[in-house]
Every structure is written in C-alpha cells, then in structure tokens.
Amino acid sequence: MSQDQEIYRRIADAGIVLRAPAKPAAAYVPFVETGKLLFLSGHIARREGLVWEGQLGRDMETATGTQAARAIAQDLLGTLHAATGNLAKIRRIVKVLCLVNSTSAFTEHHLVANGCSELLEEIFGDAGKHARSAFGVAQLPTGTCVEVELVAELF
C-alpha cells in the first residue's frame, strides 16, 4: 500500500470525513504556504457544525476539552488536504499551538492538547509527532473552548 493510500486508510478507519476549510470569520486565509512550510490558521472547536462553546475548569471537564481538540484535528486534516491535494505531500507535522479557554485555576491544558496531538500521530505515524505549546487564555473567539493552529513541512 502506498504512503498516501495508508494515510487515507487510517483516516477512514478513524471514521473521519475530510471537510473543506471553514470560511474565515475575519481578515485572514485558512493557510499560507511559504517554501516547504505550510502554516494553518487557528481552527476553533466545532460540534455538529456549531461552535463548541465552554470554558475548561468552569463548565467543561478535561476529557471534553480533549474531545474538542480531537475534533479540531479532524478539521485541520481537511485543511491540510485542501492545501496540498494529497496528505502524502506532508513530510511531517512540525508544530502545534493549542489555546484553551480556561479559568485561571485550570492546569490541564497539556491533556486537552493531547486530543489533537494523538490524532495527528495516529494518522501520520512518526511524521505526526511534533513540537507543541499549550496554554490557557481568558477567552477565545465566539466563546469556543479550544483553538489550534499548526505548521507542517512539505516534501
């Protein structure tokens, strides 16, 4: 099985349907390619097509935030596919930045971010392992619980 077939098989096995990038809500584009790097704008958590609102430590548990981050990873895959036309063109996921809408007492941002990171590794294997930052913020656009941006290296 070729590398691109393997990636898309893993996506299908995970029950993921690749969606087109969401229309930007402000003055930006979903992705920018420069050299061999592909920068994806922040993707917010959505559930059943609607903004997944909430604040970790107030009205949302860590496990739910982790699910939201995994849902974002699925949307990131759709944007990566739209940007490249074939996910096998991705050499590796370089960096993930995870912003968590949380109270000042919440300290499990890293566990929330795992929802995204683990899915990227599941789909891309070792090429999905990446550097990462995860931290809390007082609020995110439209009240979403999590936002993630990503940098990938292309072949």
C-alpha atoms as a PDB file:
ATOM      1  CA  MET A   1       0.000   0.000   0.000  1.00  0.00           C
ATOM      2  CA  SER A   2       1.424   3.419  -0.939  1.00  0.00           C
ATOM      3  CA  GLN A   3       2.006   6.110   1.668  1.00  0.00           C
ATOM      4  CA  ASP A   4      -0.966   8.205   0.516  1.00  0.00           C
ATOM      5  CA  GLN A   5      -3.250   5.158   0.498  1.00  0.00           C
ATOM      6  CA  GLU A   6      -2.092   4.308   4.026  1.00  0.00           C
ATOM      7  CA  ILE A   7      -2.808   7.827   5.313  1.00  0.00           C
ATOM      8  CA  TYR A   8      -6.292   7.894   3.799  1.00  0.00           C
ATOM      9  CA  ARG A   9      -6.989   4.364   5.085  1.00  0.00           C
ATOM     10  CA  ARG A  10      -6.115   5.497   8.611  1.00  0.00           C
ATOM     11  CA  ILE A  11      -8.459   8.457   8.194  1.00  0.00           C
ATOM     12  CA  ALA A  12     -11.281   6.187   7.033  1.00  0.00           C
ATOM     13  CA  ASP A  13     -10.576   3.690   9.834  1.00  0.00           C
ATOM     14  CA  ALA A  14     -10.870   6.543  12.341  1.00  0.00           C
ATOM     15  CA  GLY A  15     -14.285   7.426  10.892  1.00  0.00           C
ATOM     16  CA  ILE A  16     -13.103  10.840   9.764  1.00  0.00           C
ATOM     17  CA  VAL A  17     -14.704  12.660   6.854  1.00  0.00           C
ATOM     18  CA  LEU A  18     -12.406  15.351   5.469  1.00  0.00           C
ATOM     19  CA  ARG A  19     -14.211  18.671   5.292  1.00  0.00           C
ATOM     20  CA  ALA A  20     -13.302  21.769   3.317  1.00  0.00           C
ATOM     21  CA  PRO A  21     -11.784  24.568   5.397  1.00  0.00           C
ATOM     22  CA  ALA A  22     -14.277  26.797   7.172  1.00  0.00           C
ATOM     23  CA  LYS A  23     -14.751  30.236   5.680  1.00  0.00           C
ATOM     24  CA  PRO A  24     -12.568  32.713   7.608  1.00  0.00           C
ATOM     25  CA  ALA A  25     -14.526  34.744  10.143  1.00  0.00           C
ATOM     26  CA  ALA A  26     -12.244  37.771   9.794  1.00  0.00           C
ATOM     27  CA  ALA A  27      -9.396  39.168   7.671  1.00  0.00           C
ATOM     28  CA  TYR A  28      -7.179  36.098   7.178  1.00  0.00           C
ATOM     29  CA  VAL A  29      -6.824  32.997   4.992  1.00  0.00           C
ATOM     30  CA  PRO A  30      -7.088  29.358   6.140  1.00  0.00           C
ATOM     31  CA  PHE A  31      -3.481  28.549   5.213  1.00  0.00           C
ATOM     32  CA  VAL A  32      -0.298  30.015   3.754  1.00  0.00           C
ATOM     33  CA  GLU A  33       2.473  28.070   2.049  1.00  0.00           C
ATOM     34  CA  THR A  34       5.971  29.523   2.011  1.00  0.00           C
ATOM     35  CA  GLY A  35       8.957  27.493   0.916  1.00  0.00           C
ATOM     36  CA  LYS A  36       8.433  23.989   2.285  1.00  0.00           C
ATOM     37  CA  LEU A  37       6.312  25.147   5.211  1.00  0.00           C
ATOM     38  CA  LEU A  38       2.542  25.225   5.408  1.00  0.00           C
ATOM     39  CA  PHE A  39       1.006  27.408   8.134  1.00  0.00           C
ATOM     40  CA  LEU A  40      -2.608  26.724   9.111  1.00  0.00           C
ATOM     41  CA  SER A  41      -4.601  29.484  10.786  1.00  0.00           C
ATOM     42  CA  GLY A  42      -6.233  28.757  14.099  1.00  0.00           C
ATOM     43  CA  HIS A  43      -9.146  26.322  13.898  1.00  0.00           C
ATOM     44  CA  ILE A  44     -11.823  26.540  16.572  1.00  0.00           C
ATOM     45  CA  ALA A  45     -13.681  23.617  18.102  1.00  0.00           C
ATOM     46  CA  ARG A  46     -16.958  22.699  16.426  1.00  0.00           C
ATOM     47  CA  ARG A  47     -19.524  20.083  17.326  1.00  0.00           C
ATOM     48  CA  GLU A  48     -22.221  19.129  14.821  1.00  0.00           C
ATOM     49  CA  GLY A  49     -21.281  22.164  12.728  1.00  0.00           C
ATOM     50  CA  LEU A  50     -21.716  24.659  15.571  1.00  0.00           C
ATOM     51  CA  VAL A  51     -19.145  26.413  17.725  1.00  0.00           C
ATOM     52  CA  TRP A  52     -18.236  24.206  20.688  1.00  0.00           C
ATOM     53  CA  GLU A  53     -18.525  26.725  23.479  1.00  0.00           C
ATOM     54  CA  GLY A  54     -17.282  26.402  27.020  1.00  0.00           C
ATOM     55  CA  GLN A  55     -14.544  27.156  29.468  1.00  0.00           C
ATOM     56  CA  LEU A  56     -12.343  24.446  30.933  1.00  0.00           C
ATOM     57  CA  GLY A  57     -12.442  24.460  34.706  1.00  0.00           C
ATOM     58  CA  ARG A  58     -15.812  26.228  34.780  1.00  0.00           C
ATOM     59  CA  ASP A  59     -18.389  24.338  32.719  1.00  0.00           C
ATOM     60  CA  MET A  60     -16.250  21.792  30.884  1.00  0.00           C
ATOM     61  CA  GLU A  61     -14.123  18.872  32.065  1.00  0.00           C
ATOM     62  CA  THR A  62     -10.674  17.991  30.724  1.00  0.00           C
ATOM     63  CA  ALA A  63     -11.962  14.898  28.875  1.00  0.00           C
ATOM     64  CA  THR A  64     -14.489  17.016  26.970  1.00  0.00           C
ATOM     65  CA  GLY A  65     -11.794  19.544  26.072  1.00  0.00           C
ATOM     66  CA  THR A  66      -9.658  16.665  24.800  1.00  0.00           C
ATOM     67  CA  GLN A  67     -12.556  15.574  22.569  1.00  0.00           C
ATOM     68  CA  ALA A  68     -12.865  19.144  21.276  1.00  0.00           C
ATOM     69  CA  ALA A  69      -9.143  19.219  20.427  1.00  0.00           C
ATOM     70  CA  ARG A  70      -9.518  15.910  18.566  1.00  0.00           C
ATOM     71  CA  ALA A  71     -12.429  17.386  16.600  1.00  0.00           C
ATOM     72  CA  ILE A  72     -10.202  20.303  15.660  1.00  0.00           C
ATOM     73  CA  ALA A  73      -7.504  17.879  14.475  1.00  0.00           C
ATOM     74  CA  GLN A  74     -10.072  16.379  12.118  1.00  0.00           C
ATOM     75  CA  ASP A  75     -10.770  19.839  10.691  1.00  0.00           C
ATOM     76  CA  LEU A  76      -7.033  20.505  10.434  1.00  0.00           C
ATOM     77  CA  LEU A  77      -6.718  17.334   8.338  1.00  0.00           C
ATOM     78  CA  GLY A  78      -9.376  18.682   5.984  1.00  0.00           C
ATOM     79  CA  THR A  79      -7.487  21.955   5.637  1.00  0.00           C
ATOM     80  CA  LEU A  80      -4.184  20.145   5.090  1.00  0.00           C
ATOM     81  CA  HIS A  81      -5.855  18.102   2.347  1.00  0.00           C
ATOM     82  CA  ALA A  82      -7.324  21.238   0.746  1.00  0.00           C
ATOM     83  CA  ALA A  83      -3.928  22.954   0.853  1.00  0.00           C
ATOM     84  CA  THR A  84      -1.926  20.052  -0.588  1.00  0.00           C
ATOM     85  CA  GLY A  85      -4.390  17.985  -2.618  1.00  0.00           C
ATOM     86  CA  ASN A  86      -2.784  14.880  -1.108  1.00  0.00           C
ATOM     87  CA  LEU A  87      -1.781  14.360   2.527  1.00  0.00           C
ATOM     88  CA  ALA A  88       1.205  12.261   1.404  1.00  0.00           C
ATOM     89  CA  LYS A  89       2.826  15.587   0.412  1.00  0.00           C
ATOM     90  CA  ILE A  90       3.293  16.313   4.111  1.00  0.00           C
ATOM     91  CA  ARG A  91       6.775  15.371   5.299  1.00  0.00           C
ATOM     92  CA  ARG A  92       5.898  15.993   8.943  1.00  0.00           C
ATOM     93  CA  ILE A  93       3.820  17.998  11.342  1.00  0.00           C
ATOM     94  CA  VAL A  94       6.304  20.477  12.788  1.00  0.00           C
ATOM     95  CA  LYS A  95       4.443  22.488  15.429  1.00  0.00           C
ATOM     96  CA  VAL A  96       1.031  22.631  17.077  1.00  0.00           C
ATOM     97  CA  LEU A  97      -0.172  25.545  19.190  1.00  0.00           C
ATOM     98  CA  CYS A  98      -3.199  24.825  21.373  1.00  0.00           C
ATOM     99  CA  LEU A  99      -5.110  27.615  23.107  1.00  0.00           C
ATOM    100  CA  VAL A 100      -7.519  26.528  25.821  1.00  0.00           C
ATOM    101  CA  ASN A 101     -10.332  28.774  27.035  1.00  0.00           C
ATOM    102  CA  SER A 102      -9.902  28.161  30.759  1.00  0.00           C
ATOM    103  CA  THR A 103     -10.202  29.512  34.242  1.00  0.00           C
ATOM    104  CA  SER A 104      -7.060  30.688  35.993  1.00  0.00           C
ATOM    105  CA  ALA A 105      -7.178  27.583  38.223  1.00  0.00           C
ATOM    106  CA  PHE A 106      -7.258  25.086  35.318  1.00  0.00           C
ATOM    107  CA  THR A 107      -3.881  23.361  34.804  1.00  0.00           C
ATOM    108  CA  GLU A 108      -4.516  20.501  32.362  1.00  0.00           C
ATOM    109  CA  HIS A 109      -4.028  22.340  29.076  1.00  0.00           C
ATOM    110  CA  HIS A 110      -1.462  19.743  28.014  1.00  0.00           C
ATOM    111  CA  LEU A 111      -4.036  16.970  28.400  1.00  0.00           C
ATOM    112  CA  VAL A 112      -6.592  18.882  26.324  1.00  0.00           C
ATOM    113  CA  ALA A 113      -3.980  19.375  23.580  1.00  0.00           C
ATOM    114  CA  ASN A 114      -3.330  15.625  23.531  1.00  0.00           C
ATOM    115  CA  GLY A 115      -6.662  15.185  21.734  1.00  0.00           C
ATOM    116  CA  CYS A 116      -5.168  16.903  18.698  1.00  0.00           C
ATOM    117  CA  SER A 117      -1.622  15.576  19.024  1.00  0.00           C
ATOM    118  CA  GLU A 118      -2.615  11.941  19.409  1.00  0.00           C
ATOM    119  CA  LEU A 119      -4.841  12.001  16.325  1.00  0.00           C
ATOM    120  CA  LEU A 120      -2.084  13.579  14.207  1.00  0.00           C
ATOM    121  CA  GLU A 121       0.302  10.822  15.279  1.00  0.00           C
ATOM    122  CA  GLU A 122      -2.374   8.184  14.631  1.00  0.00           C
ATOM    123  CA  ILE A 123      -2.804   9.435  11.052  1.00  0.00           C
ATOM    124  CA  PHE A 124       0.786  10.361  10.111  1.00  0.00           C
ATOM    125  CA  GLY A 125       2.760   7.968  12.328  1.00  0.00           C
ATOM    126  CA  ASP A 126       6.186   9.282  13.318  1.00  0.00           C
ATOM    127  CA  ALA A 127       5.730  12.191  10.887  1.00  0.00           C
ATOM    128  CA  GLY A 128       2.799  13.300  13.049  1.00  0.00           C
ATOM    129  CA  LYS A 129       4.972  13.763  16.151  1.00  0.00           C
ATOM    130  CA  HIS A 130       5.539  17.473  16.628  1.00  0.00           C
ATOM    131  CA  ALA A 131       6.723  20.246  18.881  1.00  0.00           C
ATOM    132  CA  ARG A 132       3.839  21.779  20.805  1.00  0.00           C
ATOM    133  CA  SER A 133       2.743  24.578  23.085  1.00  0.00           C
ATOM    134  CA  ALA A 134      -0.494  24.519  25.057  1.00  0.00           C
ATOM    135  CA  PHE A 135      -1.721  27.241  27.350  1.00  0.00           C
ATOM    136  CA  GLY A 136      -4.807  28.817  28.798  1.00  0.00           C
ATOM    137  CA  VAL A 137      -6.417  32.051  27.757  1.00  0.00           C
ATOM    138  CA  ALA A 138      -9.238  34.052  29.315  1.00  0.00           C
ATOM    139  CA  GLN A 139     -11.422  33.821  26.194  1.00  0.00           C
ATOM    140  CA  LEU A 140     -11.373  32.678  22.560  1.00  0.00           C
ATOM    141  CA  PRO A 141     -13.329  33.894  19.510  1.00  0.00           C
ATOM    142  CA  THR A 142     -17.063  33.144  19.671  1.00  0.00           C
ATOM    143  CA  GLY A 143     -16.635  31.540  23.089  1.00  0.00           C
ATOM    144  CA  THR A 144     -15.103  28.354  21.695  1.00  0.00           C
ATOM    145  CA  CYS A 145     -13.413  26.091  24.222  1.00  0.00           C
ATOM    146  CA  VAL A 146     -10.250  25.318  22.214  1.00  0.00           C
ATOM    147  CA  GLU A 147      -8.370  26.728  19.220  1.00  0.00           C
ATOM    148  CA  VAL A 148      -5.446  25.049  17.463  1.00  0.00           C
ATOM    149  CA  GLU A 149      -3.022  26.220  14.788  1.00  0.00           C
ATOM    150  CA  LEU A 150      -0.467  24.058  13.008  1.00  0.00           C
ATOM    151  CA  VAL A 151       2.730  24.213  10.958  1.00  0.00           C
ATOM    152  CA  ALA A 152       3.614  21.376   8.569  1.00  0.00           C
ATOM    153  CA  GLU A 153       6.663  20.691   6.411  1.00  0.00           C
ATOM    154  CA  LEU A 154       6.069  19.610   2.818  1.00  0.00           C
ATOM    155  CA  PHE A 155       8.152  17.312   0.612  1.00  0.00           C
END
